[in-house]
Amino acid sequence: MNACLNILPKDFNMTCFKMRTHDLLLAAVLSCAAAAAILTASPAPAQAPAPTTAPARVPAIESKSVPPAGAPAAASAPAIESKPMPAATAPATEEVVNPYGLDALWRQGDAVSKGTLIILVIMSIGSWYIGVLKLLEQAKLMQQAKESDAKFWKAKSVKEGIDSLHEDSAFRFVAEEGANAAEQHEGSVVERVDLNAWVGMSIQRAIDTVNNRLQNGLAFLATVGSTAPFVGLFGTVWGIYHALTAIGIAGQASIDKVAGPVGESLIMTAFGLAVAVPAVLGYNWLVRRNKVAMERIRHFGGGVHMSLLGGSRVYLRRGA
């Protein structure tokens, strides 16, 4: 056998050795591949539960967040509105009712307190009404003064000048009184009276009448301005009397027993001052404006007087 092997050539032996080696390497590679496949396939059963748990959570989240397909806006809107509603009502501040305000003063006050308040309100309304009314009257009188300067003194006669003025003008009233006095002087009982004195007296009477009309209502303003503080002071004294009575009934000077009556007295004082101050200021202002208006009327009356004495009265004679 050995002899036979020796007979084979050496190249053949090397070829057989290489083939065996190649087979061994191939078997080793296959074995490693099989082991790797086993190792990679073995963890798969352990990781399999993970996908099953994840889908179980996802549907739970989607079922809460995704609204129905039919009404997506209607389902989401109530969910959004229902959350802020408790937040808006929770911090709502409690409305504190002031037990010492004007409402409490009227509800808790007696007949004397309510009567004092009513008197002060009447005084305030009356003073404001008269002040506004007199202001409008003075503005109208100033407008009439401008009209007389523009029309009367450009007329050819006193009669023509009178006709050019408005019917309710105070300046027309003064001119008419002077013209009537000059017309009625001759052929009457007053003929013995000097014409200058008679016409001057008539014009002065007309001016006094206009002045009296301008003074109407100012006495009320003066009365309110002088008496309103004392009316408020009376309310103050009455409120302090109630405070002392409450202390005597309670037997102790606690702040809750004194605050109401004292606050009532202070409100009365404030009301009295609030009524008196505008009345006094309005009175002084209107008196000053009346003086200015009366100066314009007196100057106009003096001009009419001189015009009538200067010969313009001939146009006013009857039958002329």
Protein backbone atom coordinates (compact mmCIF):
# COMPACT_ATOMS: atom_id res chain seq x y z
CA MET A 1 0.00 0.00 0.00
CA ASN A 2 2.78 2.28 0.86
CA ALA A 3 4.44 1.24 -2.28
CA CYS A 4 1.36 2.20 -4.17
CA LEU A 5 1.23 5.52 -2.46
CA ASN A 6 4.76 6.14 -3.19
CA ILE A 7 4.05 5.34 -6.78
CA LEU A 8 1.49 8.30 -6.95
CA PRO A 9 2.95 11.62 -7.84
CA LYS A 10 3.50 14.33 -5.17
CA ASP A 11 1.31 16.86 -6.93
CA PHE A 12 -1.66 14.67 -6.48
CA ASN A 13 -1.06 14.40 -2.75
CA MET A 14 -0.92 18.19 -2.36
CA THR A 15 -4.11 18.57 -4.29
CA CYS A 16 -5.93 16.20 -2.01
CA PHE A 17 -4.62 18.02 1.05
CA LYS A 18 -5.87 21.36 -0.23
CA MET A 19 -9.29 19.97 -1.00
CA ARG A 20 -9.62 18.62 2.51
CA THR A 21 -8.55 21.91 3.96
CA HIS A 22 -11.05 23.78 1.82
CA ASP A 23 -13.84 21.45 2.95
CA LEU A 24 -12.92 21.98 6.57
CA LEU A 25 -12.98 25.78 6.18
CA LEU A 26 -16.32 25.66 4.39
CA ALA A 27 -17.77 23.53 7.15
CA ALA A 28 -16.47 25.94 9.79
CA VAL A 29 -18.03 28.92 7.97
CA LEU A 30 -21.35 27.15 7.67
CA SER A 31 -21.25 26.27 11.34
CA CYS A 32 -20.60 29.92 12.30
CA ALA A 33 -23.40 31.09 10.04
CA ALA A 34 -25.80 28.59 11.59
CA ALA A 35 -24.79 29.68 15.10
CA ALA A 36 -25.25 33.34 14.21
CA ALA A 37 -28.67 32.57 12.77
CA ILE A 38 -29.64 30.79 15.94
CA LEU A 39 -28.38 33.64 18.12
CA THR A 40 -30.23 36.30 16.10
CA ALA A 41 -33.45 34.30 15.99
CA SER A 42 -33.49 33.47 19.71
CA PRO A 43 -34.26 37.10 21.09
CA ALA A 44 -37.24 37.51 18.74
CA PRO A 45 -39.73 35.79 21.12
CA ALA A 46 -38.63 38.09 23.98
CA GLN A 47 -39.20 41.28 21.94
CA ALA A 48 -42.48 40.13 20.47
CA PRO A 49 -44.65 41.44 23.40
CA ALA A 50 -43.38 45.01 22.87
CA PRO A 51 -45.31 45.57 19.64
CA THR A 52 -48.43 44.17 21.28
CA THR A 53 -48.29 46.61 24.23
CA ALA A 54 -47.53 49.66 22.06
CA PRO A 55 -50.62 49.27 19.88
CA ALA A 56 -52.69 48.81 23.06
CA ARG A 57 -51.61 52.28 24.28
CA VAL A 58 -52.00 54.02 20.95
CA PRO A 59 -55.69 53.24 20.52
CA ALA A 60 -56.36 54.45 24.08
CA ILE A 61 -54.79 57.84 23.33
CA GLU A 62 -56.48 58.14 19.97
CA SER A 63 -59.90 57.32 21.41
CA LYS A 64 -59.65 60.31 23.81
CA SER A 65 -58.12 62.91 21.53
CA VAL A 66 -59.76 62.20 18.18
CA PRO A 67 -63.41 63.37 18.04
CA PRO A 68 -66.09 61.65 15.98
CA ALA A 69 -65.95 62.18 12.25
CA GLY A 70 -69.47 63.64 12.12
CA ALA A 71 -68.91 66.64 14.46
CA PRO A 72 -65.24 67.39 15.07
CA ALA A 73 -65.75 71.08 15.91
CA ALA A 74 -68.71 70.52 18.19
CA ALA A 75 -66.88 67.88 20.19
CA SER A 76 -63.70 69.88 20.58
CA ALA A 77 -65.41 73.21 21.43
CA PRO A 78 -67.18 72.02 24.59
CA ALA A 79 -63.97 70.38 25.76
CA ILE A 80 -62.11 73.71 25.44
CA GLU A 81 -64.89 75.80 26.98
CA SER A 82 -65.49 73.45 29.90
CA LYS A 83 -61.94 73.90 31.16
CA PRO A 84 -61.77 77.74 31.41
CA MET A 85 -65.25 78.09 32.90
CA PRO A 86 -64.26 76.90 36.38
CA ALA A 87 -61.13 79.07 36.16
CA ALA A 88 -63.25 82.16 35.35
CA THR A 89 -65.77 81.60 38.13
CA ALA A 90 -63.28 80.55 40.76
CA PRO A 91 -61.35 83.87 41.03
CA ALA A 92 -64.53 85.98 40.88
CA THR A 93 -64.29 88.70 43.54
CA GLU A 94 -67.10 89.07 45.98
CA GLU A 95 -69.07 92.29 45.71
CA VAL A 96 -68.81 94.16 48.98
CA VAL A 97 -71.81 96.36 49.74
CA ASN A 98 -70.90 99.62 51.42
CA PRO A 99 -73.12 99.92 54.52
CA TYR A 100 -72.29 103.60 54.91
CA GLY A 101 -72.95 104.96 51.39
CA LEU A 102 -75.71 107.14 49.98
CA ASP A 103 -78.00 104.17 49.50
CA ALA A 104 -77.57 103.15 53.12
CA LEU A 105 -78.08 106.76 54.20
CA TRP A 106 -81.43 106.90 52.44
CA ARG A 107 -82.58 103.44 53.61
CA GLN A 108 -81.47 103.82 57.21
CA GLY A 109 -82.19 107.53 57.61
CA ASP A 110 -85.26 108.82 59.41
CA ALA A 111 -87.73 111.45 58.25
CA VAL A 112 -85.50 114.34 59.34
CA SER A 113 -82.50 113.06 57.40
CA LYS A 114 -84.54 112.40 54.27
CA GLY A 115 -86.21 115.79 54.53
CA THR A 116 -82.83 117.51 54.79
CA LEU A 117 -81.58 115.69 51.72
CA ILE A 118 -84.69 116.62 49.75
CA ILE A 119 -84.32 120.29 50.70
CA LEU A 120 -80.69 120.31 49.57
CA VAL A 121 -81.60 118.63 46.27
CA ILE A 122 -84.34 121.19 45.63
CA MET A 123 -81.92 124.02 46.38
CA SER A 124 -79.33 122.59 44.01
CA ILE A 125 -81.77 122.03 41.14
CA GLY A 126 -83.31 125.49 41.58
CA SER A 127 -79.96 127.28 41.66
CA TRP A 128 -78.68 125.51 38.54
CA TYR A 129 -81.94 126.14 36.68
CA ILE A 130 -81.99 129.84 37.51
CA GLY A 131 -78.28 130.22 36.74
CA VAL A 132 -78.60 128.70 33.27
CA LEU A 133 -81.82 130.63 32.55
CA LYS A 134 -80.31 133.98 33.55
CA LEU A 135 -77.20 133.27 31.53
CA LEU A 136 -79.29 132.70 28.40
CA GLU A 137 -81.31 135.85 29.13
CA GLN A 138 -78.16 137.94 29.46
CA ALA A 139 -76.76 136.53 26.23
CA LYS A 140 -80.00 137.49 24.46
CA LEU A 141 -79.81 141.00 25.90
CA MET A 142 -76.25 141.42 24.64
CA GLN A 143 -77.40 140.33 21.20
CA GLN A 144 -80.17 142.93 21.32
CA ALA A 145 -77.62 145.59 22.25
CA LYS A 146 -75.65 144.76 19.11
CA GLU A 147 -78.85 144.95 17.08
CA SER A 148 -79.72 148.39 18.46
CA ASP A 149 -76.26 149.73 17.66
CA ALA A 150 -76.49 148.40 14.12
CA LYS A 151 -80.07 149.45 13.28
CA PHE A 152 -81.51 152.10 15.57
CA TRP A 153 -78.90 154.79 15.22
CA LYS A 154 -78.88 154.48 11.45
CA ALA A 155 -82.59 155.24 11.14
CA LYS A 156 -83.88 158.61 9.99
CA SER A 157 -86.23 159.06 12.96
CA VAL A 158 -86.92 157.60 16.36
CA LYS A 159 -90.11 155.96 15.10
CA GLU A 160 -88.28 154.31 12.23
CA GLY A 161 -85.56 153.19 14.60
CA ILE A 162 -88.13 151.66 16.94
CA ASP A 163 -89.72 149.72 14.09
CA SER A 164 -86.34 148.33 13.07
CA LEU A 165 -85.84 146.59 16.43
CA HIS A 166 -87.28 143.23 17.44
CA GLU A 167 -90.62 143.28 19.22
CA ASP A 168 -89.37 141.64 22.45
CA SER A 169 -86.20 143.72 22.59
CA ALA A 170 -85.53 145.55 25.83
CA PHE A 171 -84.03 148.43 23.85
CA ARG A 172 -87.22 148.80 21.85
CA PHE A 173 -89.20 148.90 25.08
CA VAL A 174 -87.07 151.78 26.40
CA ALA A 175 -87.33 153.72 23.14
CA GLU A 176 -91.10 153.20 22.93
CA GLU A 177 -91.61 154.46 26.49
CA GLY A 178 -89.60 157.59 25.77
CA ALA A 179 -91.36 158.21 22.46
CA ASN A 180 -94.82 157.74 23.98
CA ALA A 181 -93.95 160.15 26.79
CA ALA A 182 -92.85 162.80 24.29
CA GLU A 183 -95.95 162.27 22.15
CA GLN A 184 -98.40 162.49 25.07
CA HIS A 185 -96.77 165.52 26.67
CA GLU A 186 -98.58 168.17 24.66
CA GLY A 187 -102.32 168.62 25.19
CA SER A 188 -102.51 166.52 28.36
CA VAL A 189 -102.34 166.94 32.10
CA VAL A 190 -98.56 166.50 32.11
CA GLU A 191 -98.10 169.42 29.74
CA ARG A 192 -97.19 171.64 32.66
CA VAL A 193 -94.31 169.30 33.49
CA ASP A 194 -91.05 170.08 31.78
CA LEU A 195 -90.59 167.93 28.66
CA ASN A 196 -87.03 167.08 29.60
CA ALA A 197 -88.03 165.87 33.06
CA TRP A 198 -91.09 163.99 31.76
CA VAL A 199 -89.24 162.12 29.02
CA GLY A 200 -86.27 161.45 31.29
CA MET A 201 -88.53 160.06 34.00
CA SER A 202 -90.33 157.79 31.51
CA ILE A 203 -87.09 156.41 30.10
CA GLN A 204 -85.74 155.86 33.61
CA ARG A 205 -88.86 153.93 34.56
CA ALA A 206 -88.40 151.70 31.52
CA ILE A 207 -84.75 151.12 32.43
CA ASP A 208 -85.73 150.20 36.00
CA THR A 209 -88.28 147.74 34.65
CA VAL A 210 -85.62 146.02 32.55
CA ASN A 211 -83.29 145.98 35.55
CA ASN A 212 -85.94 144.33 37.73
CA ARG A 213 -86.44 141.65 35.10
CA LEU A 214 -82.73 140.94 35.06
CA GLN A 215 -82.65 140.71 38.85
CA ASN A 216 -85.40 138.08 38.99
CA GLY A 217 -84.08 134.81 40.42
CA LEU A 218 -80.84 136.21 41.77
CA ALA A 219 -82.37 136.49 45.24
CA PHE A 220 -82.91 132.72 45.21
CA LEU A 221 -79.25 132.17 44.38
CA ALA A 222 -78.23 134.46 47.22
CA THR A 223 -80.54 132.64 49.61
CA VAL A 224 -79.23 129.23 48.62
CA GLY A 225 -75.64 130.36 48.88
CA SER A 226 -76.15 131.71 52.38
CA THR A 227 -78.41 129.01 53.84
CA ALA A 228 -77.28 125.75 52.22
CA PRO A 229 -74.21 125.34 54.48
CA PHE A 230 -76.42 125.71 57.54
CA VAL A 231 -78.89 123.16 56.21
CA GLY A 232 -75.99 120.75 55.77
CA LEU A 233 -74.79 121.63 59.25
CA PHE A 234 -78.20 120.76 60.61
CA GLY A 235 -77.87 117.33 58.99
CA THR A 236 -74.43 117.01 60.56
CA VAL A 237 -75.75 117.76 64.04
CA TRP A 238 -78.58 115.30 63.53
CA GLY A 239 -76.13 112.58 62.46
CA ILE A 240 -73.94 113.16 65.50
CA TYR A 241 -77.04 112.92 67.67
CA HIS A 242 -77.75 109.49 66.16
CA ALA A 243 -74.14 108.46 66.79
CA LEU A 244 -74.39 109.38 70.47
CA THR A 245 -77.70 107.54 70.72
CA ALA A 246 -76.18 104.41 69.19
CA ILE A 247 -73.27 104.56 71.66
CA GLY A 248 -75.66 104.93 74.57
CA ILE A 249 -77.76 101.95 73.47
CA ALA A 250 -74.76 99.72 72.81
CA GLY A 251 -72.97 100.72 76.00
CA GLN A 252 -69.63 100.92 74.20
CA ALA A 253 -68.07 103.23 71.62
CA SER A 254 -67.30 100.63 68.95
CA ILE A 255 -66.47 101.75 65.44
CA ASP A 256 -69.40 99.89 63.87
CA LYS A 257 -71.84 101.78 66.07
CA VAL A 258 -70.38 105.20 65.33
CA ALA A 259 -69.33 104.89 61.68
CA GLY A 260 -72.85 105.01 60.22
CA PRO A 261 -74.20 108.12 61.96
CA VAL A 262 -70.89 109.98 61.69
CA GLY A 263 -70.67 109.13 57.99
CA GLU A 264 -74.23 110.39 57.57
CA SER A 265 -73.33 113.69 59.21
CA LEU A 266 -70.28 114.14 57.00
CA ILE A 267 -72.34 113.46 53.88
CA MET A 268 -74.80 116.15 54.94
CA THR A 269 -71.96 118.63 55.36
CA ALA A 270 -70.57 117.78 51.94
CA PHE A 271 -74.01 118.20 50.35
CA GLY A 272 -74.49 121.60 51.95
CA LEU A 273 -71.17 122.85 50.60
CA ALA A 274 -71.78 121.34 47.17
CA VAL A 275 -75.06 123.27 46.94
CA ALA A 276 -73.83 126.57 48.38
CA VAL A 277 -70.57 127.04 46.48
CA PRO A 278 -72.04 126.97 42.92
CA ALA A 279 -74.89 129.22 44.02
CA VAL A 280 -72.53 131.87 45.41
CA LEU A 281 -70.22 131.77 42.40
CA GLY A 282 -73.16 131.95 39.99
CA TYR A 283 -74.72 134.84 41.85
CA ASN A 284 -71.56 136.95 41.76
CA TRP A 285 -70.95 136.19 38.10
CA LEU A 286 -74.53 136.98 37.02
CA VAL A 287 -74.59 140.23 39.02
CA ARG A 288 -71.45 141.35 37.25
CA ARG A 289 -72.93 140.54 33.84
CA ASN A 290 -76.13 142.37 34.76
CA LYS A 291 -74.15 145.51 35.50
CA VAL A 292 -72.54 145.37 32.09
CA ALA A 293 -75.90 144.85 30.37
CA MET A 294 -77.54 147.69 32.28
CA GLU A 295 -74.75 150.05 31.29
CA ARG A 296 -75.55 149.32 27.65
CA ILE A 297 -79.25 150.01 28.26
CA ARG A 298 -78.58 153.26 30.16
CA HIS A 299 -76.37 154.53 27.36
CA PHE A 300 -79.07 153.69 24.85
CA GLY A 301 -81.74 155.41 26.97
CA GLY A 302 -79.63 158.55 27.22
CA GLY A 303 -79.25 158.64 23.45
CA VAL A 304 -82.99 158.21 22.94
CA HIS A 305 -83.65 160.98 25.44
CA MET A 306 -81.42 163.42 23.62
CA SER A 307 -82.86 162.42 20.26
CA LEU A 308 -86.41 163.09 21.44
CA LEU A 309 -85.49 166.48 22.89
CA GLY A 310 -83.59 167.40 19.76
CA GLY A 311 -86.69 167.54 17.55
CA SER A 312 -87.07 163.94 16.35
CA ARG A 313 -90.31 163.65 18.27
CA VAL A 314 -92.16 165.42 15.45
CA TYR A 315 -92.22 162.14 13.61
CA LEU A 316 -94.13 160.61 16.49
CA ARG A 317 -97.00 163.07 16.61
CA ARG A 318 -100.43 161.75 15.94
CA GLY A 319 -101.51 162.16 12.40
CA ALA A 320 -97.97 162.83 11.19
